[in-house]
Protein backbone atom coordinates (compact mmCIF):
# COMPACT_ATOMS: atom_id res chain seq x y z
CA MET A 1 -36.79 4.36 20.47
CA LYS A 2 -33.21 5.84 21.83
CA ARG A 3 -30.65 6.85 18.82
CA ILE A 4 -27.02 5.80 19.46
CA LEU A 5 -24.20 6.76 16.68
CA ILE A 6 -21.38 4.02 17.01
CA THR A 7 -18.20 5.16 14.83
CA GLY A 8 -15.57 2.41 14.08
CA ALA A 9 -19.32 0.92 13.86
CA ALA A 10 -17.34 -1.88 11.26
CA GLY A 11 -14.21 -2.64 13.89
CA PHE A 12 -13.64 -5.69 16.39
CA LEU A 13 -15.55 -3.78 18.90
CA GLY A 14 -17.63 -1.42 17.41
CA SER A 15 -19.24 -4.16 15.92
CA HIS A 16 -19.84 -5.83 18.93
CA LEU A 17 -21.14 -2.54 20.70
CA CYS A 18 -23.58 -2.50 17.32
CA ASP A 19 -24.81 -5.96 18.43
CA ARG A 20 -25.49 -5.14 22.04
CA PHE A 21 -27.75 -1.59 21.43
CA ILE A 22 -29.57 -3.44 18.73
CA GLN A 23 -30.51 -6.08 21.03
CA GLU A 24 -31.17 -3.39 24.22
CA GLY A 25 -33.65 -1.81 21.67
CA PHE A 26 -31.43 1.30 20.57
CA HIS A 27 -31.90 2.52 17.05
CA VAL A 28 -27.89 2.13 16.03
CA ILE A 29 -26.69 4.44 13.44
CA GLY A 30 -22.92 2.80 12.29
CA MET A 31 -20.39 5.09 10.68
CA ASP A 32 -16.96 3.67 9.50
CA ASN A 33 -14.79 4.77 6.87
CA LEU A 34 -13.43 1.16 6.38
CA ILE A 35 -9.75 2.08 6.46
CA THR A 36 -9.36 -0.67 9.21
CA GLY A 37 -13.02 -1.99 9.92
CA ASP A 38 -15.13 -4.36 7.50
CA LEU A 39 -18.57 -4.55 6.70
CA LYS A 40 -18.73 -8.43 6.78
CA ASN A 41 -18.37 -7.79 10.90
CA ILE A 42 -21.79 -5.91 10.63
CA GLU A 43 -23.65 -7.40 7.35
CA HIS A 44 -26.13 -9.41 9.40
CA LEU A 45 -27.44 -5.92 10.53
CA PHE A 46 -28.24 -4.60 7.55
CA LYS A 47 -31.76 -6.16 7.16
CA LEU A 48 -33.01 -4.52 10.74
CA GLU A 49 -34.52 -1.49 10.56
CA GLN A 50 -33.19 0.00 13.60
CA PHE A 51 -29.84 0.10 12.04
CA GLU A 52 -28.15 1.94 9.27
CA PHE A 53 -24.67 2.72 7.94
CA TYR A 54 -22.63 5.37 6.95
CA ASN A 55 -19.20 5.14 4.89
CA HIS A 56 -17.78 8.87 6.72
CA ASP A 57 -14.41 9.54 7.90
CA VAL A 58 -15.19 11.11 11.42
CA SER A 59 -12.12 13.29 10.99
CA LYS A 60 -14.09 15.66 8.45
CA PHE A 61 -17.40 17.26 9.43
CA VAL A 62 -20.19 14.75 10.59
CA HIS A 63 -23.68 15.13 10.66
CA VAL A 64 -26.67 12.93 11.23
CA SER A 65 -30.20 14.18 10.68
CA GLY A 66 -32.76 13.76 13.81
CA ASN A 67 -32.01 13.30 17.50
CA LEU A 68 -29.82 11.40 19.07
CA ASP A 69 -29.40 10.25 22.55
CA TYR A 70 -25.96 8.81 22.89
CA ILE A 71 -22.35 8.57 20.67
CA LEU A 72 -19.99 5.99 21.45
CA HIS A 73 -16.45 7.06 19.60
CA PHE A 74 -14.51 3.88 18.62
CA ALA A 75 -13.20 5.16 15.24
CA SER A 76 -9.45 4.72 15.27
CA PRO A 77 -6.64 2.11 14.10
CA ALA A 78 -6.22 -0.06 17.14
CA SER A 79 -3.20 -1.63 16.50
CA PRO A 80 0.40 -1.39 15.79
CA ILE A 81 0.90 -2.17 12.12
CA ASP A 82 -2.17 -0.03 11.48
CA TYR A 83 -1.29 3.08 12.88
CA LEU A 84 2.55 2.59 12.23
CA LYS A 85 1.74 2.28 8.34
CA ILE A 86 -1.05 5.27 9.04
CA PRO A 87 0.24 7.39 11.53
CA ILE A 88 -1.28 11.11 10.43
CA GLN A 89 -4.80 9.55 9.85
CA THR A 90 -4.44 7.86 13.51
CA LEU A 91 -3.86 11.47 15.12
CA LYS A 92 -6.12 13.04 12.70
CA VAL A 93 -8.90 10.61 14.12
CA GLY A 94 -7.82 11.42 17.81
CA SER A 95 -7.94 15.15 17.74
CA LEU A 96 -9.57 16.31 14.39
CA GLY A 97 -12.46 13.41 14.71
CA THR A 98 -12.79 13.60 18.12
CA HIS A 99 -13.60 17.77 18.19
CA ASN A 100 -15.99 16.97 15.18
CA LEU A 101 -17.91 13.96 17.89
CA LEU A 102 -17.94 16.38 20.89
CA GLY A 103 -19.08 19.40 18.49
CA LEU A 104 -22.06 17.00 17.65
CA ALA A 105 -22.59 16.07 20.50
CA LYS A 106 -23.24 19.24 22.04
CA ALA A 107 -25.18 20.19 19.13
CA LYS A 108 -27.95 17.15 20.00
CA GLN A 109 -27.74 17.49 23.70
CA ALA A 110 -26.03 13.75 23.30
CA ARG A 111 -24.04 11.72 25.91
CA ILE A 112 -20.99 10.82 24.17
CA LEU A 113 -18.37 8.11 25.38
CA ILE A 114 -14.79 8.24 24.05
CA ALA A 115 -12.54 5.15 23.87
CA SER A 116 -9.49 5.72 25.29
CA THR A 117 -7.24 2.56 26.00
CA SER A 118 -3.85 1.29 28.41
CA GLU A 119 -1.83 3.25 25.99
CA VAL A 120 -2.04 6.39 27.62
CA TYR A 121 0.12 4.72 30.45
CA GLY A 122 2.89 4.25 27.82
CA ASP A 123 5.73 1.83 29.54
CA PRO A 124 4.17 2.03 33.34
CA LEU A 125 6.62 2.76 36.26
CA VAL A 126 3.53 1.82 38.09
CA HIS A 127 1.95 -1.61 38.59
CA PRO A 128 -0.93 -2.44 38.04
CA GLN A 129 -2.59 0.82 35.90
CA SER A 130 -4.81 2.82 38.34
CA GLU A 131 -6.85 5.40 36.65
CA ASP A 132 -4.89 8.04 38.98
CA TYR A 133 -1.55 7.18 37.09
CA TYR A 134 -0.13 9.80 34.66
CA GLY A 135 1.65 7.28 32.48
CA ASN A 136 5.15 7.07 30.87
CA VAL A 137 4.54 8.23 27.09
CA ASN A 138 7.46 8.78 24.52
CA THR A 139 5.66 11.52 22.64
CA ILE A 140 8.17 11.95 19.98
CA GLY A 141 8.24 7.56 19.49
CA PRO A 142 6.89 5.69 16.87
CA ARG A 143 4.19 4.45 19.12
CA GLY A 144 3.01 7.95 19.90
CA VAL A 145 1.15 8.48 16.98
CA TYR A 146 -1.50 6.47 18.99
CA ASP A 147 -0.63 7.12 22.60
CA GLU A 148 -0.58 10.68 22.18
CA ALA A 149 -3.80 10.89 19.87
CA LYS A 150 -5.45 9.04 23.02
CA ARG A 151 -4.32 11.40 25.67
CA PHE A 152 -5.39 14.36 23.50
CA GLN A 153 -8.93 12.63 22.68
CA GLU A 154 -9.15 13.07 27.03
CA SER A 155 -7.82 16.12 27.24
CA ILE A 156 -10.43 17.62 25.06
CA THR A 157 -13.37 14.96 26.19
CA MET A 158 -12.79 16.90 29.88
CA ALA A 159 -12.12 20.65 28.15
CA TYR A 160 -15.69 19.35 26.76
CA HIS A 161 -17.21 18.65 29.89
CA ARG A 162 -16.43 21.56 32.20
CA PHE A 163 -16.25 24.34 29.96
CA HIS A 164 -19.51 23.21 28.10
CA GLY A 165 -21.14 21.02 30.60
CA LEU A 166 -21.24 18.12 28.15
CA ASP A 167 -22.37 15.02 29.52
CA THR A 168 -18.62 12.76 28.57
CA ARG A 169 -17.91 9.52 29.82
CA ILE A 170 -14.56 8.02 29.36
CA VAL A 171 -13.29 4.39 29.14
CA ARG A 172 -9.77 2.84 28.91
CA ILE A 173 -9.43 -0.11 27.34
CA PHE A 174 -6.69 -2.89 28.00
CA ASN A 175 -6.36 -5.93 25.58
CA THR A 176 -9.71 -7.12 24.64
CA TYR A 177 -9.68 -10.13 22.25
CA GLY A 178 -12.77 -12.62 20.86
CA PRO A 179 -13.81 -13.15 17.37
CA ARG A 180 -13.91 -10.36 14.75
CA MET A 181 -10.48 -9.30 15.61
CA ARG A 182 -8.12 -8.97 12.06
CA LEU A 183 -5.92 -12.03 11.56
CA ASN A 184 -2.57 -10.87 11.17
CA ASP A 185 -3.21 -6.92 12.68
CA GLY A 186 -0.01 -7.48 15.20
CA ARG A 187 -1.71 -7.34 17.98
CA VAL A 188 -0.36 -10.47 20.10
CA ILE A 189 -4.11 -12.64 19.97
CA PRO A 190 -4.53 -12.92 16.46
CA ALA A 191 -0.81 -12.99 15.17
CA PHE A 192 -0.11 -15.99 17.48
CA MET A 193 -3.69 -17.64 15.85
CA GLY A 194 -2.47 -16.86 12.58
CA GLN A 195 1.16 -18.33 13.02
CA ALA A 196 0.08 -21.50 14.58
CA LEU A 197 -2.88 -21.97 12.23
CA ARG A 198 -0.41 -21.54 9.34
CA GLY A 199 2.08 -24.09 10.89
CA GLU A 200 4.46 -21.58 11.60
CA ASP A 201 6.81 -20.65 14.70
CA LEU A 202 5.95 -18.00 17.49
CA THR A 203 7.16 -15.10 17.43
CA VAL A 204 7.73 -13.79 20.50
CA PHE A 205 10.06 -9.79 20.75
CA GLY A 206 12.17 -9.37 23.35
CA ASP A 207 12.76 -12.44 26.16
CA GLY A 208 8.69 -12.93 26.39
CA SER A 209 9.04 -11.61 30.14
CA GLN A 210 6.57 -8.51 29.07
CA THR A 211 3.43 -9.33 29.95
CA ARG A 212 -0.55 -8.39 29.10
CA SER A 213 -3.98 -9.08 30.76
CA PHE A 214 -6.49 -10.25 28.51
CA CYS A 215 -10.39 -9.01 28.29
CA TYR A 216 -12.83 -11.09 26.40
CA VAL A 217 -14.78 -9.18 24.38
CA ASP A 218 -18.32 -9.61 26.34
CA ASP A 219 -16.93 -8.25 29.33
CA GLN A 220 -15.51 -5.84 28.25
CA ILE A 221 -18.57 -4.45 26.33
CA GLU A 222 -20.90 -5.16 29.50
CA GLY A 223 -18.29 -2.46 30.73
CA ILE A 224 -18.10 0.11 28.45
CA TYR A 225 -22.52 -0.43 28.47
CA ARG A 226 -22.70 0.05 32.41
CA LEU A 227 -20.00 2.95 32.22
CA LEU A 228 -21.74 4.69 29.44
CA LEU A 229 -25.35 4.57 31.67
CA SER A 230 -23.69 5.81 35.06
CA ASP A 231 -22.90 8.60 36.00
CA TYR A 232 -19.14 9.27 36.17
CA ALA A 233 -17.25 11.30 34.43
CA LEU A 234 -13.62 10.77 34.42
CA PRO A 235 -11.79 7.81 32.98
CA VAL A 236 -12.27 3.93 33.77
CA ASN A 237 -10.26 1.16 33.31
CA ILE A 238 -12.50 -2.01 31.57
CA GLY A 239 -9.99 -4.81 31.34
CA ASN A 240 -9.47 -8.31 33.02
CA PRO A 241 -6.73 -7.85 35.79
CA HIS A 242 -5.24 -11.29 35.20
CA GLU A 243 -1.81 -10.86 34.27
CA ILE A 244 0.40 -13.43 32.22
CA SER A 245 3.99 -13.20 30.77
CA ILE A 246 4.15 -12.98 26.55
CA LYS A 247 6.55 -16.29 26.42
CA ASP A 248 3.68 -18.49 29.01
CA PHE A 249 1.20 -17.09 26.52
CA ALA A 250 2.46 -18.42 23.47
CA GLU A 251 2.66 -21.86 25.17
CA GLU A 252 -0.32 -21.77 25.98
CA ILE A 253 -1.64 -21.30 22.27
CA ILE A 254 0.86 -24.04 21.21
CA LYS A 255 -1.54 -26.24 23.56
CA LEU A 256 -4.47 -24.77 22.65
CA THR A 257 -4.18 -25.48 19.21
CA GLY A 258 -2.58 -28.76 19.04
CA THR A 259 0.31 -27.79 17.09
CA ASP A 260 3.98 -28.16 17.73
CA GLN A 261 5.48 -25.51 16.86
CA LYS A 262 8.52 -23.40 18.49
CA ILE A 263 8.74 -20.13 20.07
CA ILE A 264 11.55 -18.18 18.30
CA TYR A 265 12.56 -14.64 19.67
CA LYS A 266 13.47 -11.36 17.38
CA ASP A 267 14.04 -7.94 19.14
CA LEU A 268 11.69 -6.17 21.30
CA PRO A 269 9.94 -3.01 19.28
CA LYS A 270 10.86 0.79 20.46
CA ASP A 271 8.75 1.19 23.54
CA ASP A 272 6.28 -1.64 24.31
CA PRO A 273 5.42 -1.88 27.07
CA MET A 274 6.63 -4.11 29.95
CA GLN A 275 3.86 -4.82 31.94
CA ARG A 276 0.06 -4.43 31.21
CA GLN A 277 -2.47 -4.83 33.86
CA PRO A 278 -5.42 -3.10 35.04
CA ASP A 279 -6.62 -1.88 38.37
CA ILE A 280 -10.26 -2.31 37.95
CA SER A 281 -11.54 -0.92 41.68
CA LEU A 282 -13.13 1.94 40.38
CA ALA A 283 -15.07 -0.16 37.84
CA LYS A 284 -15.98 -2.84 40.76
CA THR A 285 -17.00 -0.33 42.84
CA LEU A 286 -19.17 2.56 40.39
CA LEU A 287 -20.46 0.11 37.72
CA GLY A 288 -20.43 -3.02 39.95
CA TRP A 289 -18.30 -4.67 37.13
CA GLU A 290 -15.67 -7.04 36.63
CA PRO A 291 -14.54 -9.79 34.05
CA LYS A 292 -16.78 -13.04 34.22
CA VAL A 293 -15.18 -15.09 31.32
CA GLN A 294 -11.76 -17.08 31.78
CA ARG A 295 -9.00 -16.66 29.62
CA ALA A 296 -9.27 -20.67 28.47
CA GLU A 297 -13.22 -20.18 27.78
CA GLY A 298 -12.36 -16.73 26.02
CA MET A 299 -9.39 -17.91 23.98
CA GLN A 300 -11.60 -21.42 22.94
CA LYS A 301 -13.97 -19.20 21.34
CA THR A 302 -11.23 -17.17 20.03
CA PHE A 303 -9.97 -19.79 18.32
CA ALA A 304 -13.33 -21.51 17.16
CA TYR A 305 -13.52 -17.91 14.88
CA PHE A 306 -10.14 -17.94 13.96
CA LYS A 307 -10.60 -21.46 12.55
CA GLY A 308 -13.36 -21.11 10.52
CA LEU A 309 -11.70 -18.50 8.42
CA THR A 310 -10.97 -18.98 4.43
CA GLU A 311 -7.48 -20.32 3.95
CA ASP A 312 -7.24 -16.93 1.55
CA GLU A 313 -8.31 -15.21 4.57
CA LEU A 314 -5.52 -17.27 6.91
CA PHE A 315 -2.28 -16.99 4.36
CA ARG A 316 -2.95 -13.09 3.63
CA SER A 317 -0.80 -11.14 5.11
CA GLU A 318 -2.17 -8.17 5.76
CA HIS A 319 -5.92 -7.39 5.47
CA LYS A 320 -5.85 -3.67 4.73
CA ASP A 321 -4.86 -1.49 1.26
CA PHE A 322 -3.77 1.47 3.09
CA THR A 323 -2.52 3.22 0.01
CA LYS A 324 -5.51 5.45 -0.81
CA HIS A 325 -5.37 6.65 2.46
CA ILE A 326 -1.97 7.88 2.49
CA ILE A 327 -1.12 11.64 2.70
CA LYS A 328 2.47 13.12 1.90
């Protein structure tokens, strides 16, 4: 049985990856310090012999007994609310955490896949964004702690690949949604869903003309799985190229939820990208991959998940207390 370590295992994407690799017959070792993850995302796996979990911060030394075939590094805050509240931890997991896991992969002779993001493109001057675009990033802006953590991840991963001959993969993840997203985490879909379900007006920042491209989680996981098993070491975009403005998307949410809220407008946050659309030509050619789930279908599934939340979860403004993690 192949053994795989998945960091960020209790998070949104990490938990879905645990499910997928269990289904594929792997022995899965999940690791998460639960700073943004939630054990309820993986509690259904605890009864399985082929799953084990460690509550550990990968920014510290990482040890795993026995052989390892693969490592997936998905440990990182991923929402603006999170990485603006814990900026140092965000930088550390992208730098120290990645360094630790690359060292572990080298010691175990394991293949490692690093989760990068479309945020490496910053507020892009090229549209759509292809892998050969170097980005437009404000290194000292409030979003820089996340953007630069991911850009460093890519750099050190390629350094290990070239200098040590390490077997590496890099996925650039574009906006992904689906069940197990944290409500009110600052990302567009859970923010809109939470407001609609609570009967609040939907908040759009700026004039709503900025665009996003949303990929359903099942499609994203399939792309990551194929990339891991490919022979390609350079970054690959995995996302849905169907672009929509935030204003139009807010109107879709109101229609989907059957509510009659208004859209209200607030100032656009600093360095918020105006356009976000992946060029997935490489993924199509290299992996034979492209998204299958239409937004209407994926949003129905996601809405059903959020409707199933308890009243306490629905009205809780934040799910996480970061106090004990703050480094002065």
